[in-house]
């Protein structure tokens, strides 16, 4: 989404509403864990002043991420609500760190949307198949739920490290 400052000046008396679909395929280049991202629905409004633009928007979309256990594709829906401020005045930019600078004659929201989507990424997602798994094994790895692991530990006899086996009888001896 990109607007010229002159185009925005027409809305100085009130809010400029918007309702658009935005394609953010470029976010996949910034984070390779995002396998796919569907076009997002962006709604909101902007208020323009003499040297500042305040945008309130809501992003709704779905991205495809890998399952942390099975590496299968998982659809992850997200909703982001944010208020972002933009300015093209050097004085406003110097006074406030939370204002996005506008270079040239255009306000571009796409980089801001990308940052918000990247911040929304979860650490892990799990597919429905992996939630049903109790145990799995492969070459040099295994997976077990906490309940299965604890049950397995209770069934096994405690093992003593053979290097420390001689110390097992240390306190049984009486000092002479």
N, C-alpha and C. Protein backbone atom coordinates (compact mmCIF):
# COMPACT_ATOMS: atom_id res chain seq x y z
N UNK A 1 0.86 -1.16 0.00
CA UNK A 1 0.00 0.00 0.00
C UNK A 1 0.90 1.22 0.00
N UNK A 2 0.60 2.13 -0.90
CA UNK A 2 1.43 3.31 -1.07
C UNK A 2 0.54 4.49 -1.43
N UNK A 3 0.69 5.59 -0.72
CA UNK A 3 -0.09 6.78 -0.99
C UNK A 3 0.85 7.97 -1.13
N UNK A 4 0.49 8.89 -2.01
CA UNK A 4 1.25 10.14 -2.10
C UNK A 4 0.74 11.11 -1.04
N UNK A 5 1.63 11.97 -0.58
CA UNK A 5 1.24 12.94 0.45
C UNK A 5 0.18 13.88 -0.10
N UNK A 6 0.28 14.24 -1.37
CA UNK A 6 -0.74 15.11 -1.99
C UNK A 6 -2.11 14.42 -2.00
N UNK A 7 -2.14 13.14 -2.28
CA UNK A 7 -3.39 12.39 -2.28
C UNK A 7 -4.00 12.38 -0.87
N UNK A 8 -3.16 12.27 0.15
CA UNK A 8 -3.64 12.23 1.54
C UNK A 8 -4.15 13.59 2.01
N UNK A 9 -3.64 14.67 1.43
CA UNK A 9 -4.04 16.02 1.86
C UNK A 9 -5.53 16.27 1.62
N UNK A 10 -6.16 15.52 0.72
CA UNK A 10 -7.59 15.68 0.47
C UNK A 10 -8.43 15.28 1.68
N UNK A 11 -7.85 14.50 2.58
CA UNK A 11 -8.59 13.99 3.74
C UNK A 11 -8.21 14.74 5.02
N UNK A 12 -7.77 15.99 4.92
CA UNK A 12 -7.35 16.75 6.10
C UNK A 12 -8.51 17.03 7.06
N UNK A 13 -9.72 17.07 6.55
CA UNK A 13 -10.87 17.40 7.39
C UNK A 13 -11.39 16.21 8.18
N UNK A 14 -11.03 15.00 7.78
CA UNK A 14 -11.55 13.81 8.47
C UNK A 14 -10.66 12.60 8.21
N UNK A 15 -11.12 11.44 8.64
CA UNK A 15 -10.36 10.21 8.45
C UNK A 15 -10.48 9.69 7.02
N UNK A 16 -9.43 9.04 6.56
CA UNK A 16 -9.44 8.37 5.27
C UNK A 16 -9.56 6.87 5.53
N UNK A 17 -10.73 6.29 5.30
CA UNK A 17 -10.88 4.84 5.54
C UNK A 17 -10.28 4.04 4.38
N UNK A 18 -9.85 2.82 4.70
CA UNK A 18 -9.38 1.93 3.64
C UNK A 18 -9.73 0.49 4.00
N UNK A 19 -9.90 -0.30 2.97
CA UNK A 19 -10.26 -1.71 3.09
C UNK A 19 -9.69 -2.39 1.85
N UNK A 20 -8.55 -3.06 2.00
CA UNK A 20 -7.85 -3.62 0.85
C UNK A 20 -7.29 -4.99 1.16
N UNK A 21 -6.95 -5.70 0.09
CA UNK A 21 -6.21 -6.96 0.20
C UNK A 21 -4.77 -6.66 -0.19
N UNK A 22 -3.82 -7.11 0.63
CA UNK A 22 -2.41 -6.82 0.41
C UNK A 22 -1.65 -8.13 0.30
N UNK A 23 -0.79 -8.23 -0.72
CA UNK A 23 0.04 -9.40 -0.92
C UNK A 23 1.41 -9.13 -0.31
N UNK A 24 1.83 -9.96 0.64
CA UNK A 24 3.12 -9.78 1.32
C UNK A 24 4.06 -10.95 1.07
N UNK A 25 4.20 -11.38 -0.18
CA UNK A 25 5.11 -12.49 -0.49
C UNK A 25 6.55 -12.15 -0.15
N UNK A 26 6.89 -10.88 -0.09
CA UNK A 26 8.27 -10.47 0.19
C UNK A 26 8.69 -10.85 1.62
N UNK A 27 7.75 -11.10 2.51
CA UNK A 27 8.09 -11.48 3.88
C UNK A 27 8.73 -12.87 3.91
N UNK A 28 8.44 -13.70 2.92
CA UNK A 28 9.04 -15.04 2.85
C UNK A 28 10.55 -14.95 2.61
N UNK A 29 10.99 -13.92 1.94
CA UNK A 29 12.44 -13.73 1.72
C UNK A 29 13.14 -13.31 3.01
N UNK A 30 12.44 -12.59 3.86
CA UNK A 30 13.03 -12.11 5.11
C UNK A 30 13.10 -13.18 6.18
N UNK A 31 12.18 -14.15 6.14
CA UNK A 31 12.19 -15.26 7.09
C UNK A 31 11.83 -16.54 6.35
N UNK A 32 12.81 -17.42 6.10
CA UNK A 32 12.54 -18.62 5.32
C UNK A 32 11.63 -19.63 6.02
N UNK A 33 11.36 -19.48 7.32
CA UNK A 33 10.42 -20.38 7.98
C UNK A 33 9.00 -20.17 7.49
N UNK A 34 8.69 -19.00 6.99
CA UNK A 34 7.36 -18.74 6.44
C UNK A 34 7.32 -19.38 5.06
N UNK A 35 6.59 -20.47 4.96
CA UNK A 35 6.54 -21.19 3.69
C UNK A 35 5.59 -20.54 2.69
N UNK A 36 4.52 -19.93 3.21
CA UNK A 36 3.57 -19.25 2.33
C UNK A 36 2.78 -18.26 3.18
N UNK A 37 2.29 -17.22 2.53
CA UNK A 37 1.43 -16.26 3.21
C UNK A 37 0.35 -15.85 2.23
N UNK A 38 -0.89 -16.00 2.66
CA UNK A 38 -2.03 -15.64 1.81
C UNK A 38 -2.19 -14.13 1.81
N UNK A 39 -2.83 -13.58 0.78
CA UNK A 39 -3.09 -12.14 0.80
C UNK A 39 -3.87 -11.75 2.06
N UNK A 40 -3.42 -10.66 2.68
CA UNK A 40 -4.01 -10.21 3.94
C UNK A 40 -5.11 -9.19 3.69
N UNK A 41 -6.10 -9.22 4.56
CA UNK A 41 -7.17 -8.24 4.51
C UNK A 41 -6.78 -7.12 5.48
N UNK A 42 -6.65 -5.90 4.96
CA UNK A 42 -6.24 -4.75 5.76
C UNK A 42 -7.40 -3.77 5.80
N UNK A 43 -7.83 -3.43 7.02
CA UNK A 43 -8.87 -2.43 7.18
C UNK A 43 -8.37 -1.39 8.18
N UNK A 44 -8.90 -0.19 8.07
CA UNK A 44 -8.52 0.84 9.02
C UNK A 44 -8.80 2.23 8.49
N UNK A 45 -8.15 3.19 9.14
CA UNK A 45 -8.32 4.58 8.71
C UNK A 45 -7.05 5.35 9.05
N UNK A 46 -6.88 6.46 8.36
CA UNK A 46 -5.73 7.32 8.57
C UNK A 46 -6.20 8.75 8.81
N UNK A 47 -5.51 9.42 9.71
CA UNK A 47 -5.76 10.83 9.98
C UNK A 47 -4.51 11.59 9.61
N UNK A 48 -4.66 12.62 8.78
CA UNK A 48 -3.49 13.36 8.32
C UNK A 48 -3.48 14.75 8.94
N UNK A 49 -2.29 15.15 9.34
CA UNK A 49 -2.07 16.49 9.85
C UNK A 49 -1.13 17.23 8.90
N UNK A 50 -0.61 18.35 9.34
CA UNK A 50 0.25 19.14 8.47
C UNK A 50 1.59 18.46 8.21
N UNK A 51 2.09 17.69 9.17
CA UNK A 51 3.38 17.03 8.97
C UNK A 51 3.40 15.60 9.50
N UNK A 52 2.23 15.07 9.80
CA UNK A 52 2.17 13.74 10.40
C UNK A 52 0.95 12.98 9.90
N UNK A 53 1.07 11.66 9.84
CA UNK A 53 -0.01 10.76 9.45
C UNK A 53 -0.12 9.69 10.51
N UNK A 54 -1.33 9.48 11.04
CA UNK A 54 -1.58 8.44 12.03
C UNK A 54 -2.52 7.42 11.40
N UNK A 55 -2.07 6.17 11.35
CA UNK A 55 -2.87 5.10 10.75
C UNK A 55 -3.22 4.06 11.80
N UNK A 56 -4.49 3.73 11.87
CA UNK A 56 -4.99 2.65 12.72
C UNK A 56 -5.47 1.56 11.77
N UNK A 57 -4.91 0.37 11.93
CA UNK A 57 -5.33 -0.68 11.02
C UNK A 57 -5.36 -2.04 11.71
N UNK A 58 -6.04 -2.94 11.00
CA UNK A 58 -6.20 -4.33 11.44
C UNK A 58 -5.80 -5.21 10.26
N UNK A 59 -4.86 -6.11 10.50
CA UNK A 59 -4.39 -7.06 9.49
C UNK A 59 -4.94 -8.44 9.84
N UNK A 60 -5.55 -9.09 8.88
CA UNK A 60 -6.04 -10.45 9.07
C UNK A 60 -5.52 -11.31 7.94
N UNK A 61 -4.93 -12.43 8.30
CA UNK A 61 -4.38 -13.30 7.27
C UNK A 61 -4.02 -14.66 7.81
N UNK A 62 -3.41 -15.46 6.95
CA UNK A 62 -2.97 -16.81 7.29
C UNK A 62 -1.61 -17.04 6.67
N UNK A 63 -0.70 -17.54 7.49
CA UNK A 63 0.61 -17.92 6.95
C UNK A 63 0.83 -19.41 7.19
N UNK A 64 1.66 -20.01 6.36
CA UNK A 64 1.97 -21.42 6.47
C UNK A 64 3.36 -21.56 7.07
N UNK A 65 3.43 -22.28 8.19
CA UNK A 65 4.68 -22.48 8.92
C UNK A 65 4.94 -23.97 9.09
N UNK A 66 6.19 -24.37 9.34
CA UNK A 66 6.46 -25.79 9.56
C UNK A 66 6.11 -26.23 10.98
N UNK A 67 5.58 -27.45 11.09
CA UNK A 67 5.30 -28.04 12.40
C UNK A 67 6.62 -28.30 13.11
N UNK A 68 6.70 -28.00 14.39
CA UNK A 68 7.93 -28.17 15.15
C UNK A 68 8.30 -29.65 15.34
N UNK A 69 7.34 -30.56 15.22
CA UNK A 69 7.62 -31.99 15.41
C UNK A 69 7.74 -32.75 14.09
N UNK A 70 6.83 -32.48 13.17
CA UNK A 70 6.77 -33.31 11.96
C UNK A 70 7.26 -32.59 10.71
N UNK A 71 7.46 -31.28 10.79
CA UNK A 71 7.92 -30.48 9.67
C UNK A 71 6.88 -30.37 8.56
N UNK A 72 5.63 -30.73 8.86
CA UNK A 72 4.54 -30.59 7.89
C UNK A 72 4.05 -29.15 7.90
N UNK A 73 3.35 -28.77 6.83
CA UNK A 73 2.79 -27.42 6.75
C UNK A 73 1.64 -27.25 7.73
N UNK A 74 1.64 -26.11 8.42
CA UNK A 74 0.58 -25.78 9.37
C UNK A 74 0.06 -24.38 9.01
N UNK A 75 -1.23 -24.26 8.82
CA UNK A 75 -1.84 -22.95 8.57
C UNK A 75 -1.98 -22.22 9.90
N UNK A 76 -1.40 -21.03 9.99
CA UNK A 76 -1.43 -20.24 11.23
C UNK A 76 -2.16 -18.94 10.96
N UNK A 77 -3.42 -18.83 11.40
CA UNK A 77 -4.15 -17.57 11.20
C UNK A 77 -3.69 -16.52 12.21
N UNK A 78 -3.71 -15.27 11.80
CA UNK A 78 -3.30 -14.19 12.70
C UNK A 78 -4.16 -12.96 12.48
N UNK A 79 -4.27 -12.17 13.53
CA UNK A 79 -4.94 -10.87 13.49
C UNK A 79 -4.03 -9.90 14.23
N UNK A 80 -3.68 -8.80 13.58
CA UNK A 80 -2.79 -7.80 14.17
C UNK A 80 -3.52 -6.46 14.14
N UNK A 81 -3.60 -5.83 15.28
CA UNK A 81 -4.15 -4.48 15.35
C UNK A 81 -3.03 -3.55 15.79
N UNK A 82 -2.89 -2.43 15.09
CA UNK A 82 -1.78 -1.53 15.40
C UNK A 82 -2.14 -0.09 15.05
N UNK A 83 -1.43 0.81 15.71
CA UNK A 83 -1.51 2.24 15.40
C UNK A 83 -0.08 2.66 15.06
N UNK A 84 0.12 3.15 13.86
CA UNK A 84 1.44 3.55 13.39
C UNK A 84 1.41 5.02 12.99
N UNK A 85 2.50 5.71 13.28
CA UNK A 85 2.61 7.13 12.94
C UNK A 85 3.74 7.33 11.95
N UNK A 86 3.50 8.21 10.99
CA UNK A 86 4.46 8.55 9.95
C UNK A 86 4.64 10.06 9.93
N UNK A 87 5.84 10.52 9.56
CA UNK A 87 6.06 11.96 9.44
C UNK A 87 7.11 12.23 8.38
N UNK A 88 7.00 13.38 7.76
CA UNK A 88 7.98 13.84 6.77
C UNK A 88 8.65 15.12 7.26
N UNK A 89 8.41 15.51 8.50
CA UNK A 89 8.99 16.71 9.08
C UNK A 89 10.17 16.32 9.96
N UNK A 90 11.33 16.93 9.72
CA UNK A 90 12.55 16.61 10.47
C UNK A 90 12.41 16.90 11.96
N UNK A 91 11.69 17.94 12.32
CA UNK A 91 11.53 18.30 13.73
C UNK A 91 10.72 17.22 14.47
N UNK A 92 9.65 16.75 13.85
CA UNK A 92 8.83 15.70 14.45
C UNK A 92 9.63 14.40 14.57
N UNK A 93 10.41 14.08 13.53
CA UNK A 93 11.21 12.86 13.55
C UNK A 93 12.28 12.91 14.63
N UNK A 94 12.88 14.08 14.83
CA UNK A 94 13.93 14.21 15.85
C UNK A 94 13.35 14.14 17.26
N UNK A 95 12.11 14.57 17.45
CA UNK A 95 11.51 14.62 18.78
C UNK A 95 10.91 13.28 19.20
N UNK A 96 10.54 12.41 18.27
CA UNK A 96 9.84 11.18 18.61
C UNK A 96 10.48 9.99 17.90
N UNK A 97 10.89 8.98 18.69
CA UNK A 97 11.54 7.78 18.13
C UNK A 97 10.56 6.80 17.52
N UNK A 98 9.29 6.91 17.86
CA UNK A 98 8.31 5.93 17.43
C UNK A 98 7.55 6.35 16.17
N UNK A 99 8.12 7.27 15.42
CA UNK A 99 7.50 7.75 14.18
C UNK A 99 8.31 7.20 13.01
N UNK A 100 7.60 6.65 12.02
CA UNK A 100 8.25 6.14 10.82
C UNK A 100 8.57 7.32 9.90
N UNK A 101 9.81 7.43 9.44
CA UNK A 101 10.14 8.53 8.53
C UNK A 101 9.59 8.28 7.13
N UNK A 102 9.12 9.34 6.50
CA UNK A 102 8.63 9.27 5.13
C UNK A 102 9.69 9.92 4.25
N UNK A 103 10.23 9.16 3.31
CA UNK A 103 11.21 9.71 2.38
C UNK A 103 10.53 9.91 1.03
N UNK A 104 10.78 11.03 0.43
CA UNK A 104 10.14 11.33 -0.84
C UNK A 104 8.73 11.82 -0.63
N UNK A 105 7.89 11.61 -1.63
CA UNK A 105 6.51 12.10 -1.59
C UNK A 105 5.49 11.00 -1.33
N UNK A 106 5.94 9.81 -0.93
CA UNK A 106 5.03 8.69 -0.76
C UNK A 106 5.15 8.07 0.62
N UNK A 107 4.00 7.70 1.17
CA UNK A 107 3.93 6.96 2.42
C UNK A 107 3.69 5.50 2.04
N UNK A 108 4.62 4.64 2.42
CA UNK A 108 4.50 3.23 2.07
C UNK A 108 4.29 2.40 3.33
N UNK A 109 3.19 1.67 3.38
CA UNK A 109 2.84 0.88 4.55
C UNK A 109 3.34 -0.56 4.48
N UNK A 110 3.71 -1.04 3.31
CA UNK A 110 4.10 -2.44 3.16
C UNK A 110 5.27 -2.84 4.06
N UNK A 111 6.35 -2.05 4.18
CA UNK A 111 7.43 -2.45 5.10
C UNK A 111 6.97 -2.53 6.56
N UNK A 112 6.05 -1.68 6.95
CA UNK A 112 5.52 -1.72 8.31
C UNK A 112 4.70 -3.00 8.50
N UNK A 113 3.90 -3.37 7.51
CA UNK A 113 3.13 -4.60 7.58
C UNK A 113 4.06 -5.81 7.70
N UNK A 114 5.15 -5.80 6.93
CA UNK A 114 6.12 -6.90 7.00
C UNK A 114 6.69 -7.04 8.41
N UNK A 115 7.08 -5.93 9.01
CA UNK A 115 7.64 -5.97 10.36
C UNK A 115 6.62 -6.51 11.36
N UNK A 116 5.39 -6.07 11.24
CA UNK A 116 4.35 -6.55 12.16
C UNK A 116 4.09 -8.04 12.01
N UNK A 117 4.12 -8.54 10.79
CA UNK A 117 3.92 -9.97 10.56
C UNK A 117 5.10 -10.76 11.12
N UNK A 118 6.31 -10.26 10.93
CA UNK A 118 7.48 -10.96 11.47
C UNK A 118 7.47 -10.98 13.00
N UNK A 119 6.96 -9.94 13.60
CA UNK A 119 6.86 -9.91 15.06
C UNK A 119 5.77 -10.85 15.57
N UNK A 120 4.83 -11.18 14.74
CA UNK A 120 3.71 -12.04 15.12
C UNK A 120 4.05 -13.52 15.03
N UNK A 121 5.20 -13.87 14.45
CA UNK A 121 5.57 -15.28 14.29
C UNK A 121 5.68 -15.98 15.64
N UNK A 122 5.04 -17.13 15.80
CA UNK A 122 5.18 -17.88 17.05
C UNK A 122 6.51 -18.63 17.06
N UNK A 123 6.96 -19.02 18.25
CA UNK A 123 8.19 -19.79 18.35
C UNK A 123 8.01 -21.19 17.79
N UNK A 124 6.85 -21.80 18.06
CA UNK A 124 6.56 -23.14 17.57
C UNK A 124 5.08 -23.24 17.20
N UNK A 125 4.81 -24.02 16.18
CA UNK A 125 3.43 -24.40 15.87
C UNK A 125 3.41 -25.92 15.72
N UNK A 126 2.27 -26.51 16.04
CA UNK A 126 2.13 -27.96 15.96
C UNK A 126 0.93 -28.31 15.11
N UNK A 127 1.09 -29.31 14.26
CA UNK A 127 -0.03 -29.77 13.44
C UNK A 127 -0.94 -30.65 14.29
N UNK A 128 -2.14 -30.87 13.81
CA UNK A 128 -3.10 -31.72 14.53
C UNK A 128 -2.57 -33.15 14.64
N UNK A 129 -1.86 -33.61 13.62
CA UNK A 129 -1.28 -34.96 13.64
C UNK A 129 -0.26 -35.10 14.76
N UNK A 130 0.57 -34.08 14.95
CA UNK A 130 1.63 -34.18 15.96
C UNK A 130 1.06 -34.10 17.37
N UNK A 131 -0.09 -33.45 17.54
CA UNK A 131 -0.70 -33.38 18.87
C UNK A 131 -1.21 -34.75 19.31
N UNK A 132 -1.52 -35.61 18.36
CA UNK A 132 -2.00 -36.96 18.67
C UNK A 132 -0.86 -37.94 18.91
N UNK A 133 0.34 -37.58 18.53
CA UNK A 133 1.49 -38.47 18.69
C UNK A 133 1.86 -38.60 20.16
N UNK A 134 2.15 -39.82 20.60
CA UNK A 134 2.66 -40.06 21.94
C UNK A 134 4.15 -40.38 21.92
N UNK A 135 4.56 -41.12 20.88
CA UNK A 135 5.96 -41.49 20.75
C UNK A 135 6.33 -41.57 19.28
N UNK A 136 7.58 -41.29 19.00
CA UNK A 136 8.12 -41.45 17.66
C UNK A 136 9.63 -41.62 17.80
N UNK A 137 10.21 -42.35 16.86
CA UNK A 137 11.65 -42.58 16.88
C UNK A 137 12.20 -42.50 15.47
N UNK A 138 13.46 -42.18 15.41
CA UNK A 138 14.19 -42.15 14.16
C UNK A 138 15.64 -42.46 14.45
N UNK A 139 16.49 -42.24 13.47
CA UNK A 139 17.91 -42.50 13.66
C UNK A 139 18.48 -41.44 14.60
N UNK A 140 18.97 -41.86 15.74
CA UNK A 140 19.60 -41.01 16.74
C UNK A 140 18.67 -39.97 17.37
N UNK A 141 17.37 -40.19 17.35
CA UNK A 141 16.44 -39.27 18.01
C UNK A 141 15.19 -40.02 18.42
N UNK A 142 14.48 -39.47 19.40
CA UNK A 142 13.19 -40.03 19.80
C UNK A 142 12.35 -38.91 20.40
N UNK A 143 11.05 -39.10 20.36
CA UNK A 143 10.10 -38.14 20.91
C UNK A 143 9.10 -38.90 21.76
N UNK A 144 8.82 -38.35 22.94
CA UNK A 144 7.80 -38.93 23.81
C UNK A 144 7.13 -37.82 24.59
N UNK A 145 5.84 -37.97 24.85
CA UNK A 145 5.16 -36.99 25.69
C UNK A 145 5.67 -37.14 27.12
N UNK A 146 5.41 -36.17 27.93
CA UNK A 146 5.89 -36.20 29.31
C UNK A 146 5.30 -37.38 30.08
N UNK A 147 4.02 -37.67 29.84
CA UNK A 147 3.38 -38.80 30.53
C UNK A 147 4.03 -40.12 30.13
N UNK A 148 4.27 -40.31 28.85
CA UNK A 148 4.89 -41.54 28.36
C UNK A 148 6.30 -41.68 28.90
N UNK A 149 7.04 -40.58 28.92
CA UNK A 149 8.41 -40.59 29.41
C UNK A 149 8.45 -40.94 30.90
N UNK A 150 7.57 -40.32 31.70
CA UNK A 150 7.54 -40.62 33.13
C UNK A 150 7.13 -42.06 33.40
N UNK A 151 6.20 -42.59 32.64
CA UNK A 151 5.79 -44.00 32.81
C UNK A 151 6.96 -44.92 32.47
N UNK A 152 7.71 -44.59 31.45
CA UNK A 152 8.87 -45.40 31.06
C UNK A 152 9.95 -45.37 32.16
N UNK A 153 10.14 -44.21 32.79
CA UNK A 153 11.13 -44.10 33.86
C UNK A 153 10.73 -44.92 35.08
N UNK A 154 9.44 -44.96 35.40
CA UNK A 154 8.98 -45.72 36.56
C UNK A 154 9.11 -47.22 36.35
N UNK A 155 9.02 -47.68 35.12
CA UNK A 155 9.14 -49.10 34.83
C UNK A 155 10.59 -49.57 34.89
N UNK A 156 11.50 -48.71 34.56
CA UNK A 156 12.91 -49.08 34.56
C UNK A 156 13.46 -49.06 35.98
N UNK A 157 14.41 -49.97 36.23
CA UNK A 157 15.08 -49.98 37.52
C UNK A 157 16.16 -48.90 37.49
N UNK A 158 16.41 -48.28 38.64
CA UNK A 158 17.46 -47.27 38.65
C UNK A 158 18.81 -47.92 38.36
N UNK A 159 19.54 -47.31 37.50
CA UNK A 159 20.84 -47.83 37.11
C UNK A 159 21.93 -47.04 37.83
N UNK A 160 22.97 -47.75 38.22
CA UNK A 160 24.12 -47.11 38.85
C UNK A 160 25.24 -47.07 37.83
N UNK A 161 25.87 -45.93 37.75
CA UNK A 161 27.01 -45.78 36.84
C UNK A 161 28.10 -46.76 37.28
N UNK A 162 28.60 -47.60 36.37
CA UNK A 162 29.60 -48.61 36.78
C UNK A 162 30.87 -47.97 37.37
N UNK A 163 31.17 -46.76 36.99
CA UNK A 163 32.37 -46.11 37.53
C UNK A 163 32.18 -45.75 39.00
N UNK A 164 30.92 -45.60 39.44
CA UNK A 164 30.64 -45.22 40.81
C UNK A 164 30.11 -46.38 41.65
N UNK A 165 30.09 -47.59 41.10
CA UNK A 165 29.53 -48.76 41.79
C UNK A 165 30.28 -49.04 43.09
N UNK A 166 31.56 -48.82 43.12
CA UNK A 166 32.36 -49.07 44.31
C UNK A 166 31.99 -48.16 45.46
N UNK A 167 31.43 -46.98 45.17
CA UNK A 167 31.07 -46.05 46.22
C UNK A 167 29.73 -46.39 46.88
N UNK A 168 29.00 -47.32 46.33
CA UNK A 168 27.69 -47.67 46.87
C UNK A 168 27.79 -48.21 48.29
N UNK A 169 28.88 -48.91 48.61
CA UNK A 169 29.06 -49.50 49.93
C UNK A 169 29.94 -48.64 50.83
N UNK A 170 30.22 -47.44 50.46
CA UNK A 170 31.15 -46.58 51.20
C UNK A 170 30.66 -46.31 52.62
N UNK A 171 29.39 -46.00 52.81
CA UNK A 171 28.87 -45.68 54.14
C UNK A 171 28.54 -46.92 54.98
N UNK A 172 28.55 -48.09 54.35
CA UNK A 172 28.28 -49.31 55.10
C UNK A 172 29.47 -49.73 55.96
N UNK A 173 30.66 -49.31 55.59
CA UNK A 173 31.86 -49.68 56.33
C UNK A 173 31.96 -48.86 57.59
N UNK A 174 32.44 -49.49 58.67
CA UNK A 174 32.63 -48.78 59.92
C UNK A 174 34.09 -48.38 60.02
N UNK A 175 34.28 -47.24 60.60
CA UNK A 175 35.66 -46.77 60.80
C UNK A 175 36.35 -47.65 61.83
N UNK A 176 37.60 -48.00 61.57
CA UNK A 176 38.34 -48.84 62.50
C UNK A 176 39.31 -48.05 63.30
